[in-house]
Amino acid sequence: MKNRKPNENGNGDGIEMEGPKSMTMKKKKNINRLGGTGLSLQAFANAKSTTNHYNPALIKKKREFYKNAKHVNKYKKSLKQQNQGNDLPSAIRTPEEVNEDIGSSRSNKKNNKNCSHNLRELYEKQREEKEKARMEREAIIQAKKEQIEKAEAQRKAGRKEMLKKTRHGQPVMKYRIQHLLQSIQCSSSASVNEN
């Protein structure tokens, strides 16, 4: 870094460099510019010697583990919600209800079978409803496609007729007049239907 000092005349033309002070300033500015001091040689060697632990199989296993843990947590939450509806505080319960709970724990396996059966029926029902909705959407889309294709075919035929020319290069008026007549009839019939 150049430090300008005025010379004897007082002008700033004389340029002089100061030795040790300017070097320390340069170092400080470089360190600040680069974001601090660099790594020591030992730290650099240790950083380079560490092996990269990238292993796709391990990553896949971890992902699967977390996915399974998520499913287990959802299952536990659902069980807890089901049990909250069934469990009442013991102070509110009567002795008959306590006896019923003991009897119900014996028939818990039967209830689980019924519960899974009910869930399966519910799943089947929802699946059928989704299938019906999908079929209806597909039918609507198919009808729209057919309608568009029909209109396109009519447009092509009308265009072909509208572009016909006589041997002198003039447009054939017969088809143009027919087109005008049809459009007038359609609009008049639509207005009659509205009234």
Protein backbone atom coordinates (compact mmCIF):
# COMPACT_ATOMS: atom_id res chain seq x y z
CA MET A 1 0.00 0.00 0.00
CA LYS A 2 1.43 3.36 -0.96
CA ASN A 3 1.35 6.10 1.59
CA ARG A 4 1.50 9.61 0.20
CA LYS A 5 3.37 12.11 2.28
CA PRO A 6 3.80 15.70 1.33
CA ASN A 7 7.36 16.54 0.38
CA GLU A 8 9.23 19.61 1.53
CA ASN A 9 7.17 21.87 -0.76
CA GLY A 10 3.91 20.70 0.78
CA ASN A 11 2.67 18.95 -2.35
CA GLY A 12 1.42 15.39 -2.28
CA ASP A 13 3.66 14.43 -5.18
CA GLY A 14 6.34 12.72 -3.17
CA ILE A 15 5.54 9.01 -2.73
CA GLU A 16 7.34 7.02 -0.09
CA MET A 17 6.79 3.53 1.30
CA GLU A 18 7.22 2.75 4.94
CA GLY A 19 8.87 -0.59 5.53
CA PRO A 20 7.59 -2.75 8.41
CA LYS A 21 4.37 -0.89 9.11
CA SER A 22 3.09 -1.18 5.56
CA MET A 23 3.82 -4.94 5.49
CA THR A 24 1.80 -5.61 8.64
CA MET A 25 -1.06 -3.56 7.28
CA LYS A 26 -0.97 -5.56 4.05
CA LYS A 27 -1.09 -8.83 5.98
CA LYS A 28 -4.01 -7.67 8.10
CA LYS A 29 -5.94 -6.51 5.06
CA ASN A 30 -5.30 -9.78 3.24
CA ILE A 31 -6.40 -11.81 6.27
CA ASN A 32 -9.59 -9.76 6.55
CA ARG A 33 -10.23 -10.06 2.82
CA LEU A 34 -9.78 -13.84 2.84
CA GLY A 35 -12.00 -14.33 5.89
CA GLY A 36 -9.48 -14.95 8.64
CA THR A 37 -6.33 -16.97 9.06
CA GLY A 38 -5.92 -20.15 7.04
CA LEU A 39 -5.61 -23.68 8.36
CA SER A 40 -2.42 -24.78 9.96
CA LEU A 41 -0.39 -27.41 8.12
CA GLN A 42 -1.38 -30.08 10.66
CA ALA A 43 -5.10 -29.22 10.43
CA PHE A 44 -4.90 -29.26 6.63
CA ALA A 45 -3.21 -32.68 6.61
CA ASN A 46 -5.79 -34.11 9.04
CA ALA A 47 -8.66 -32.72 6.99
CA LYS A 48 -7.30 -34.30 3.82
CA SER A 49 -6.57 -37.67 5.41
CA THR A 50 -10.08 -38.27 6.75
CA THR A 51 -11.98 -40.65 4.52
CA ASN A 52 -15.25 -39.71 2.94
CA HIS A 53 -18.05 -41.75 4.51
CA TYR A 54 -20.39 -41.58 1.54
CA ASN A 55 -22.07 -44.94 1.24
CA PRO A 56 -25.37 -45.10 -0.68
CA ALA A 57 -26.38 -48.36 0.98
CA LEU A 58 -26.04 -46.85 4.47
CA ILE A 59 -27.93 -43.75 3.40
CA LYS A 60 -30.73 -45.94 2.04
CA LYS A 61 -30.84 -47.92 5.30
CA LYS A 62 -31.06 -44.73 7.36
CA ARG A 63 -33.83 -43.39 5.17
CA GLU A 64 -35.75 -46.66 5.50
CA PHE A 65 -35.20 -46.66 9.27
CA TYR A 66 -36.63 -43.15 9.62
CA LYS A 67 -39.53 -44.02 7.35
CA ASN A 68 -40.36 -47.08 9.47
CA ALA A 69 -40.05 -45.04 12.65
CA LYS A 70 -42.52 -42.54 11.20
CA HIS A 71 -45.02 -45.32 10.48
CA VAL A 72 -44.57 -46.76 13.98
CA ASN A 73 -45.20 -43.33 15.53
CA LYS A 74 -48.36 -42.89 13.47
CA TYR A 75 -49.55 -46.32 14.55
CA LYS A 76 -48.87 -45.55 18.22
CA LYS A 77 -50.72 -42.24 17.94
CA SER A 78 -53.74 -43.93 16.41
CA LEU A 79 -53.74 -46.56 19.19
CA LYS A 80 -53.47 -43.84 21.80
CA GLN A 81 -56.41 -41.97 20.26
CA GLN A 82 -58.52 -45.13 20.23
CA ASN A 83 -57.64 -45.86 23.85
CA GLN A 84 -58.39 -42.29 24.95
CA GLY A 85 -61.95 -42.67 23.76
CA ASN A 86 -62.32 -45.93 25.72
CA ASP A 87 -60.50 -44.98 28.93
CA LEU A 88 -62.25 -42.90 31.55
CA PRO A 89 -60.63 -41.74 34.80
CA SER A 90 -60.85 -44.41 37.51
CA ALA A 91 -62.60 -42.03 39.94
CA ILE A 92 -65.54 -41.67 37.53
CA ARG A 93 -65.80 -45.38 36.73
CA THR A 94 -68.23 -47.58 38.51
CA PRO A 95 -67.24 -51.10 39.64
CA GLU A 96 -69.38 -52.60 36.84
CA GLU A 97 -67.42 -50.66 34.23
CA VAL A 98 -64.14 -51.91 35.72
CA ASN A 99 -65.42 -55.49 35.45
CA GLU A 100 -66.48 -54.85 31.86
CA ASP A 101 -62.97 -53.61 31.04
CA ILE A 102 -61.44 -56.80 32.44
CA GLY A 103 -63.82 -58.88 30.31
CA SER A 104 -63.11 -56.73 27.28
CA SER A 105 -59.36 -57.26 27.59
CA ARG A 106 -60.03 -61.00 27.20
CA SER A 107 -62.01 -60.45 24.03
CA ASN A 108 -59.50 -57.90 22.74
CA LYS A 109 -58.26 -60.28 20.04
CA LYS A 110 -61.77 -60.71 18.68
CA ASN A 111 -62.23 -56.93 18.62
CA ASN A 112 -58.97 -56.53 16.75
CA LYS A 113 -60.22 -58.92 14.07
CA ASN A 114 -63.51 -57.02 13.83
CA CYS A 115 -61.65 -53.74 13.74
CA SER A 116 -59.38 -54.88 10.92
CA HIS A 117 -62.40 -56.24 9.06
CA ASN A 118 -64.21 -52.90 9.47
CA LEU A 119 -61.14 -51.05 8.32
CA ARG A 120 -60.84 -53.28 5.27
CA GLU A 121 -64.51 -52.66 4.40
CA LEU A 122 -64.01 -48.93 4.83
CA TYR A 123 -60.92 -49.06 2.62
CA GLU A 124 -62.77 -51.01 -0.08
CA LYS A 125 -65.66 -48.55 0.05
CA GLN A 126 -63.37 -45.54 -0.32
CA ARG A 127 -61.50 -47.25 -3.14
CA GLU A 128 -64.75 -47.92 -5.01
CA GLU A 129 -65.82 -44.29 -4.58
CA LYS A 130 -62.48 -43.07 -5.91
CA GLU A 131 -62.75 -45.48 -8.83
CA LYS A 132 -66.26 -44.22 -9.64
CA ALA A 133 -65.13 -40.61 -9.49
CA ARG A 134 -62.17 -41.41 -11.75
CA MET A 135 -64.41 -43.20 -14.27
CA GLU A 136 -66.81 -40.23 -14.29
CA ARG A 137 -63.96 -37.80 -14.88
CA GLU A 138 -62.62 -39.98 -17.70
CA ALA A 139 -66.10 -40.15 -19.28
CA ILE A 140 -66.43 -36.36 -19.13
CA ILE A 141 -62.97 -35.90 -20.65
CA GLN A 142 -63.76 -38.44 -23.39
CA ALA A 143 -67.04 -36.66 -24.22
CA LYS A 144 -65.23 -33.32 -24.43
CA LYS A 145 -62.59 -34.83 -26.72
CA GLU A 146 -65.24 -36.27 -29.02
CA GLN A 147 -67.07 -32.94 -29.11
CA ILE A 148 -63.85 -31.10 -29.94
CA GLU A 149 -62.97 -33.60 -32.68
CA LYS A 150 -66.47 -33.28 -34.18
CA ALA A 151 -66.29 -29.47 -34.18
CA GLU A 152 -62.81 -29.63 -35.71
CA ALA A 153 -64.03 -31.91 -38.51
CA GLN A 154 -66.92 -29.53 -39.25
CA ARG A 155 -64.54 -26.57 -39.29
CA LYS A 156 -62.20 -28.35 -41.69
CA ALA A 157 -65.06 -29.23 -44.04
CA GLY A 158 -66.43 -25.66 -43.90
CA ARG A 159 -62.98 -24.22 -44.46
CA LYS A 160 -62.42 -26.45 -47.45
CA GLU A 161 -65.67 -25.23 -48.99
CA MET A 162 -64.97 -21.57 -48.12
CA LEU A 163 -61.59 -21.72 -49.84
CA LYS A 164 -62.96 -23.07 -53.14
CA LYS A 165 -62.35 -20.77 -56.08
CA THR A 166 -63.78 -20.47 -59.54
CA ARG A 167 -61.52 -20.99 -62.53
CA HIS A 168 -61.00 -17.22 -62.66
CA GLY A 169 -59.73 -17.20 -59.02
CA GLN A 170 -62.87 -15.72 -57.48
CA PRO A 171 -64.37 -17.32 -54.33
CA VAL A 172 -67.41 -19.56 -54.83
CA MET A 173 -70.27 -17.60 -53.24
CA LYS A 174 -72.63 -20.56 -52.92
CA TYR A 175 -70.84 -21.99 -49.86
CA ARG A 176 -70.35 -18.59 -48.24
CA ILE A 177 -74.07 -17.78 -48.55
CA GLN A 178 -74.99 -21.23 -47.14
CA HIS A 179 -72.67 -20.60 -44.16
CA LEU A 180 -74.26 -17.21 -43.47
CA LEU A 181 -77.75 -18.72 -43.73
CA GLN A 182 -76.87 -21.52 -41.27
CA SER A 183 -75.38 -19.10 -38.74
CA ILE A 184 -78.48 -16.87 -38.95
CA GLN A 185 -80.80 -19.86 -38.47
CA CYS A 186 -78.78 -21.10 -35.48
CA SER A 187 -78.83 -17.69 -33.80
CA SER A 188 -82.54 -17.21 -34.46
CA SER A 189 -83.41 -20.67 -33.11
CA ALA A 190 -81.29 -20.00 -30.01
CA SER A 191 -83.09 -16.70 -29.38
CA VAL A 192 -86.50 -18.39 -29.84
CA ASN A 193 -85.53 -21.12 -27.33
CA GLU A 194 -84.48 -18.52 -24.74
CA ASN A 195 -87.81 -16.67 -24.97
